[in-house]
N, C-alpha and C. Protein backbone atom coordinates (compact mmCIF):
# COMPACT_ATOMS: atom_id res chain seq x y z
N UNK A 1 -23.13 -23.88 9.86
CA UNK A 1 -22.14 -23.52 8.87
C UNK A 1 -20.89 -24.36 9.15
N UNK A 2 -20.43 -25.02 8.12
CA UNK A 2 -19.25 -25.85 8.28
C UNK A 2 -17.99 -25.02 8.05
N UNK A 3 -16.88 -25.59 8.41
CA UNK A 3 -15.60 -24.90 8.26
C UNK A 3 -15.29 -24.67 6.78
N UNK A 4 -15.57 -25.64 5.95
CA UNK A 4 -15.31 -25.51 4.52
C UNK A 4 -16.13 -24.37 3.91
N UNK A 5 -17.39 -24.27 4.30
CA UNK A 5 -18.25 -23.21 3.79
C UNK A 5 -17.73 -21.84 4.24
N UNK A 6 -17.29 -21.74 5.47
CA UNK A 6 -16.75 -20.48 5.97
C UNK A 6 -15.49 -20.06 5.24
N UNK A 7 -14.62 -21.02 4.94
CA UNK A 7 -13.40 -20.71 4.20
C UNK A 7 -13.73 -20.25 2.79
N UNK A 8 -14.68 -20.91 2.15
CA UNK A 8 -15.08 -20.53 0.80
C UNK A 8 -15.69 -19.13 0.79
N UNK A 9 -16.52 -18.82 1.75
CA UNK A 9 -17.12 -17.49 1.83
C UNK A 9 -16.05 -16.43 2.06
N UNK A 10 -15.09 -16.71 2.92
CA UNK A 10 -14.02 -15.75 3.18
C UNK A 10 -13.16 -15.52 1.93
N UNK A 11 -12.81 -16.58 1.24
CA UNK A 11 -12.00 -16.44 0.03
C UNK A 11 -12.76 -15.71 -1.07
N UNK A 12 -14.04 -15.99 -1.21
CA UNK A 12 -14.84 -15.27 -2.20
C UNK A 12 -14.96 -13.79 -1.83
N UNK A 13 -15.03 -13.48 -0.56
CA UNK A 13 -15.08 -12.09 -0.12
C UNK A 13 -13.79 -11.36 -0.46
N UNK A 14 -12.66 -12.00 -0.19
CA UNK A 14 -11.36 -11.39 -0.51
C UNK A 14 -11.23 -11.22 -2.02
N UNK A 15 -11.61 -12.24 -2.76
CA UNK A 15 -11.55 -12.18 -4.22
C UNK A 15 -12.45 -11.06 -4.75
N UNK A 16 -13.63 -10.90 -4.15
CA UNK A 16 -14.54 -9.84 -4.56
C UNK A 16 -13.94 -8.46 -4.32
N UNK A 17 -13.29 -8.27 -3.19
CA UNK A 17 -12.65 -6.98 -2.91
C UNK A 17 -11.54 -6.70 -3.91
N UNK A 18 -10.75 -7.71 -4.24
CA UNK A 18 -9.66 -7.53 -5.21
C UNK A 18 -10.22 -7.18 -6.59
N UNK A 19 -11.27 -7.87 -7.00
CA UNK A 19 -11.87 -7.60 -8.32
C UNK A 19 -12.45 -6.19 -8.36
N UNK A 20 -13.13 -5.78 -7.31
CA UNK A 20 -13.70 -4.42 -7.26
C UNK A 20 -12.58 -3.38 -7.30
N UNK A 21 -11.50 -3.64 -6.60
CA UNK A 21 -10.39 -2.70 -6.59
C UNK A 21 -9.76 -2.60 -7.98
N UNK A 22 -9.59 -3.72 -8.65
CA UNK A 22 -8.99 -3.70 -9.99
C UNK A 22 -9.89 -3.01 -11.01
N UNK A 23 -11.20 -3.20 -10.90
CA UNK A 23 -12.09 -2.63 -11.90
C UNK A 23 -12.37 -1.15 -11.65
N UNK A 24 -12.48 -0.72 -10.41
CA UNK A 24 -12.84 0.66 -10.10
C UNK A 24 -11.64 1.53 -9.75
N UNK A 25 -10.52 0.92 -9.46
CA UNK A 25 -9.35 1.68 -9.03
C UNK A 25 -8.60 2.30 -10.20
N UNK A 26 -7.79 3.27 -9.88
CA UNK A 26 -6.93 3.90 -10.89
C UNK A 26 -5.49 3.54 -10.55
N UNK A 27 -4.63 3.42 -11.55
CA UNK A 27 -3.24 3.09 -11.25
C UNK A 27 -2.58 4.24 -10.49
N UNK A 28 -1.59 3.93 -9.68
CA UNK A 28 -0.93 4.99 -8.92
C UNK A 28 -0.15 5.93 -9.83
N UNK A 29 -0.14 7.19 -9.46
CA UNK A 29 0.61 8.20 -10.22
C UNK A 29 1.99 8.32 -9.59
N UNK A 30 3.05 7.88 -10.29
CA UNK A 30 4.39 7.91 -9.68
C UNK A 30 4.89 9.33 -9.40
N UNK A 31 4.30 10.33 -10.04
CA UNK A 31 4.74 11.71 -9.83
C UNK A 31 4.11 12.33 -8.58
N UNK A 32 3.04 11.73 -8.05
CA UNK A 32 2.40 12.23 -6.84
C UNK A 32 2.70 11.36 -5.63
N UNK A 33 3.37 10.25 -5.84
CA UNK A 33 3.67 9.33 -4.75
C UNK A 33 4.82 9.89 -3.90
N UNK A 34 4.80 9.60 -2.60
CA UNK A 34 5.91 10.06 -1.75
C UNK A 34 7.17 9.25 -2.02
N UNK A 35 8.29 9.76 -1.56
CA UNK A 35 9.54 9.03 -1.70
C UNK A 35 9.44 7.70 -0.96
N UNK A 36 10.03 6.63 -1.52
CA UNK A 36 9.97 5.34 -0.84
C UNK A 36 10.61 5.37 0.55
N UNK A 37 11.61 6.20 0.75
CA UNK A 37 12.27 6.27 2.05
C UNK A 37 11.51 7.15 3.04
N UNK A 38 10.43 7.82 2.60
CA UNK A 38 9.70 8.73 3.47
C UNK A 38 8.34 8.17 3.88
N UNK A 39 8.06 6.91 3.62
CA UNK A 39 6.77 6.35 4.02
C UNK A 39 6.63 6.42 5.53
N UNK A 40 5.52 6.91 6.00
CA UNK A 40 5.26 7.00 7.42
C UNK A 40 5.77 8.28 8.04
N UNK A 41 6.37 9.13 7.27
CA UNK A 41 6.90 10.38 7.80
C UNK A 41 6.23 11.53 7.08
N UNK A 42 5.66 12.44 7.85
CA UNK A 42 5.03 13.60 7.21
C UNK A 42 6.04 14.68 6.90
N UNK A 43 7.24 14.58 7.43
CA UNK A 43 8.26 15.59 7.18
C UNK A 43 9.40 14.99 6.38
N UNK A 44 9.08 14.26 5.34
CA UNK A 44 10.11 13.60 4.55
C UNK A 44 11.02 14.56 3.81
N UNK A 45 10.47 15.67 3.32
CA UNK A 45 11.29 16.59 2.56
C UNK A 45 12.17 17.46 3.44
N UNK A 46 11.92 17.49 4.74
CA UNK A 46 12.70 18.36 5.62
C UNK A 46 13.91 17.67 6.22
N UNK A 47 14.17 16.42 5.84
CA UNK A 47 15.34 15.72 6.34
C UNK A 47 15.07 14.93 7.60
N UNK A 48 13.89 14.37 7.73
CA UNK A 48 13.56 13.56 8.89
C UNK A 48 14.40 12.29 8.90
N UNK A 49 14.47 11.62 10.02
CA UNK A 49 15.30 10.41 10.16
C UNK A 49 14.85 9.33 9.18
N UNK A 50 13.57 9.33 8.76
CA UNK A 50 13.08 8.32 7.83
C UNK A 50 13.65 8.51 6.43
N UNK A 51 14.21 9.67 6.13
CA UNK A 51 14.67 9.92 4.77
C UNK A 51 16.15 9.68 4.58
N UNK A 52 16.84 9.23 5.61
CA UNK A 52 18.27 8.96 5.45
C UNK A 52 18.46 7.78 4.52
N UNK A 53 19.06 8.01 3.39
CA UNK A 53 19.33 6.95 2.44
C UNK A 53 20.83 6.66 2.43
N UNK A 54 21.22 5.46 2.07
CA UNK A 54 22.66 5.18 2.00
C UNK A 54 23.34 6.11 1.01
N UNK A 55 24.41 6.74 1.44
CA UNK A 55 25.14 7.65 0.58
C UNK A 55 24.59 9.06 0.54
N UNK A 56 23.57 9.35 1.34
CA UNK A 56 23.00 10.70 1.34
C UNK A 56 23.92 11.67 2.05
N UNK A 57 23.90 12.92 1.61
CA UNK A 57 24.72 13.95 2.26
C UNK A 57 24.08 14.33 3.58
N UNK A 58 24.89 14.46 4.60
CA UNK A 58 24.33 14.79 5.92
C UNK A 58 24.82 16.13 6.41
């Protein structure tokens, strides 16, 4: 297997995953999504350090 063939196979694999995701996936529901400032925090609504936004009341 040459380097060019390996690169082509890898790119086709990535392209295949993207196409499958676009065809079978559903668009995100903005009403069920977490707050952008709370990503990675399970306690976003309780005032965790991840939820401090500029200008927020403390």
